[in-house]
């Protein structure tokens, strides 16, 4: 990845990652954690989803 390029990931990317999708993990590893970003909307959706999941367990 070129220097100073940031990849904005949406909620679906993180859902795939949390569910153990190796292709997603490998792609994000190649991009590098320092080059991955997410919006406040994505953050809110992840928090909401994890709280909802925790209530079901």
N, C-alpha and C. Protein backbone atom coordinates (compact mmCIF):
# COMPACT_ATOMS: atom_id res chain seq x y z
N UNK A 1 0.85 -1.17 0.00
CA UNK A 1 0.00 0.00 0.00
C UNK A 1 0.89 1.23 0.00
N UNK A 2 0.49 2.20 -0.78
CA UNK A 2 1.26 3.43 -0.85
C UNK A 2 1.22 4.17 0.48
N UNK A 3 2.28 4.87 0.76
CA UNK A 3 2.37 5.63 2.01
C UNK A 3 1.25 6.68 2.08
N UNK A 4 0.71 6.85 3.27
CA UNK A 4 -0.32 7.84 3.55
C UNK A 4 -1.68 7.53 2.93
N UNK A 5 -1.92 6.29 2.52
CA UNK A 5 -3.24 5.91 2.04
C UNK A 5 -3.97 5.20 3.17
N UNK A 6 -5.22 5.59 3.38
CA UNK A 6 -6.04 5.01 4.44
C UNK A 6 -7.22 4.29 3.79
N UNK A 7 -7.53 3.11 4.30
CA UNK A 7 -8.68 2.35 3.83
C UNK A 7 -9.79 2.49 4.87
N UNK A 8 -10.94 3.00 4.44
CA UNK A 8 -12.09 3.17 5.31
C UNK A 8 -12.95 1.91 5.22
N UNK A 9 -13.03 1.18 6.34
CA UNK A 9 -13.76 -0.08 6.37
C UNK A 9 -15.16 0.14 6.95
N UNK A 10 -16.13 -0.56 6.38
CA UNK A 10 -17.48 -0.46 6.91
C UNK A 10 -17.74 -1.63 7.88
N UNK A 11 -18.92 -1.65 8.43
CA UNK A 11 -19.28 -2.64 9.44
C UNK A 11 -19.13 -4.07 8.93
N UNK A 12 -19.49 -4.31 7.68
CA UNK A 12 -19.43 -5.66 7.13
C UNK A 12 -18.02 -6.24 7.19
N UNK A 13 -17.02 -5.42 6.96
CA UNK A 13 -15.63 -5.88 7.02
C UNK A 13 -15.31 -6.39 8.41
N UNK A 14 -15.72 -5.64 9.43
CA UNK A 14 -15.44 -6.05 10.81
C UNK A 14 -16.25 -7.28 11.22
N UNK A 15 -17.47 -7.40 10.72
CA UNK A 15 -18.27 -8.60 11.00
C UNK A 15 -17.57 -9.82 10.43
N UNK A 16 -17.09 -9.72 9.20
CA UNK A 16 -16.34 -10.83 8.59
C UNK A 16 -15.10 -11.16 9.42
N UNK A 17 -14.40 -10.13 9.86
CA UNK A 17 -13.20 -10.33 10.67
C UNK A 17 -13.54 -11.01 12.00
N UNK A 18 -14.57 -10.51 12.70
CA UNK A 18 -14.98 -11.08 13.99
C UNK A 18 -15.47 -12.51 13.85
N UNK A 19 -16.00 -12.86 12.66
CA UNK A 19 -16.48 -14.22 12.42
C UNK A 19 -15.38 -15.15 11.93
N UNK A 20 -14.15 -14.65 11.89
CA UNK A 20 -13.00 -15.50 11.56
C UNK A 20 -12.72 -15.68 10.09
N UNK A 21 -13.21 -14.81 9.24
CA UNK A 21 -12.95 -14.91 7.80
C UNK A 21 -11.47 -14.66 7.52
N UNK A 22 -10.77 -15.70 7.08
CA UNK A 22 -9.33 -15.60 6.87
C UNK A 22 -8.95 -14.68 5.72
N UNK A 23 -9.78 -14.63 4.68
CA UNK A 23 -9.50 -13.73 3.56
C UNK A 23 -9.53 -12.28 4.03
N UNK A 24 -10.52 -11.94 4.84
CA UNK A 24 -10.61 -10.58 5.39
C UNK A 24 -9.41 -10.28 6.28
N UNK A 25 -9.07 -11.23 7.16
CA UNK A 25 -7.92 -11.04 8.05
C UNK A 25 -6.64 -10.83 7.26
N UNK A 26 -6.42 -11.67 6.26
CA UNK A 26 -5.19 -11.57 5.45
C UNK A 26 -5.14 -10.24 4.69
N UNK A 27 -6.27 -9.81 4.16
CA UNK A 27 -6.32 -8.54 3.43
C UNK A 27 -6.01 -7.38 4.37
N UNK A 28 -6.62 -7.39 5.56
CA UNK A 28 -6.35 -6.32 6.53
C UNK A 28 -4.90 -6.35 7.01
N UNK A 29 -4.34 -7.57 7.15
CA UNK A 29 -2.92 -7.68 7.52
C UNK A 29 -2.03 -7.04 6.46
N UNK A 30 -2.37 -7.26 5.18
CA UNK A 30 -1.59 -6.66 4.09
C UNK A 30 -1.71 -5.14 4.09
N UNK A 31 -2.91 -4.65 4.38
CA UNK A 31 -3.13 -3.20 4.43
C UNK A 31 -2.37 -2.59 5.59
N UNK A 32 -2.39 -3.28 6.73
CA UNK A 32 -1.70 -2.79 7.93
C UNK A 32 -2.66 -2.01 8.81
N UNK A 33 -2.62 -2.32 10.10
CA UNK A 33 -3.53 -1.70 11.05
C UNK A 33 -3.42 -0.17 11.05
N UNK A 34 -2.24 0.34 10.79
CA UNK A 34 -2.04 1.79 10.78
C UNK A 34 -2.70 2.46 9.58
N UNK A 35 -3.14 1.66 8.60
CA UNK A 35 -3.78 2.20 7.40
C UNK A 35 -5.27 1.91 7.34
N UNK A 36 -5.84 1.39 8.42
CA UNK A 36 -7.26 1.06 8.47
C UNK A 36 -7.98 2.09 9.33
N UNK A 37 -9.11 2.55 8.82
CA UNK A 37 -9.94 3.50 9.56
C UNK A 37 -11.39 3.05 9.49
N UNK A 38 -12.20 3.57 10.42
CA UNK A 38 -13.64 3.32 10.37
C UNK A 38 -14.34 4.57 10.88
N UNK A 39 -15.57 4.74 10.42
CA UNK A 39 -16.33 5.94 10.78
C UNK A 39 -16.98 5.77 12.15
N UNK A 40 -17.48 6.85 12.67
CA UNK A 40 -18.21 6.81 13.93
C UNK A 40 -19.50 6.00 13.76
N UNK A 41 -20.06 6.00 12.57
CA UNK A 41 -21.25 5.19 12.30
C UNK A 41 -20.90 3.71 12.42
N UNK A 42 -19.80 3.29 11.82
CA UNK A 42 -19.35 1.90 11.92
C UNK A 42 -19.07 1.54 13.36
N UNK A 43 -18.40 2.41 14.08
CA UNK A 43 -18.11 2.18 15.50
C UNK A 43 -19.42 1.97 16.27
N UNK A 44 -20.38 2.83 16.04
CA UNK A 44 -21.67 2.74 16.73
C UNK A 44 -22.39 1.43 16.40
N UNK A 45 -22.35 1.03 15.14
CA UNK A 45 -23.00 -0.22 14.74
C UNK A 45 -22.34 -1.43 15.39
N UNK A 46 -21.02 -1.40 15.51
CA UNK A 46 -20.30 -2.51 16.15
C UNK A 46 -20.64 -2.57 17.63
N UNK A 47 -20.65 -1.43 18.30
CA UNK A 47 -20.99 -1.40 19.73
C UNK A 47 -22.42 -1.89 19.94
N UNK A 48 -23.35 -1.39 19.14
CA UNK A 48 -24.75 -1.81 19.25
C UNK A 48 -24.87 -3.33 19.02
N UNK A 49 -24.22 -3.81 17.97
CA UNK A 49 -24.30 -5.23 17.63
C UNK A 49 -23.71 -6.14 18.70
N UNK A 50 -22.59 -5.73 19.29
CA UNK A 50 -21.97 -6.57 20.31
C UNK A 50 -22.80 -6.57 21.60
N UNK A 51 -23.41 -5.43 21.92
CA UNK A 51 -24.30 -5.39 23.10
C UNK A 51 -25.53 -6.24 22.88
N UNK A 52 -26.08 -6.18 21.68
CA UNK A 52 -27.25 -6.98 21.34
C UNK A 52 -26.91 -8.47 21.39
N UNK A 53 -25.74 -8.83 20.89
CA UNK A 53 -25.30 -10.23 20.93
C UNK A 53 -25.09 -10.68 22.37
N UNK A 54 -24.49 -9.84 23.19
CA UNK A 54 -24.24 -10.20 24.59
C UNK A 54 -25.55 -10.45 25.35
N UNK A 55 -26.59 -9.73 25.00
CA UNK A 55 -27.88 -9.92 25.65
C UNK A 55 -28.51 -11.26 25.29
N UNK A 56 -28.17 -11.79 24.12
CA UNK A 56 -28.72 -13.07 23.67
C UNK A 56 -27.99 -14.26 24.30
N UNK A 57 -26.79 -14.03 24.79
CA UNK A 57 -25.99 -15.15 25.32
C UNK A 57 -26.34 -15.48 26.75
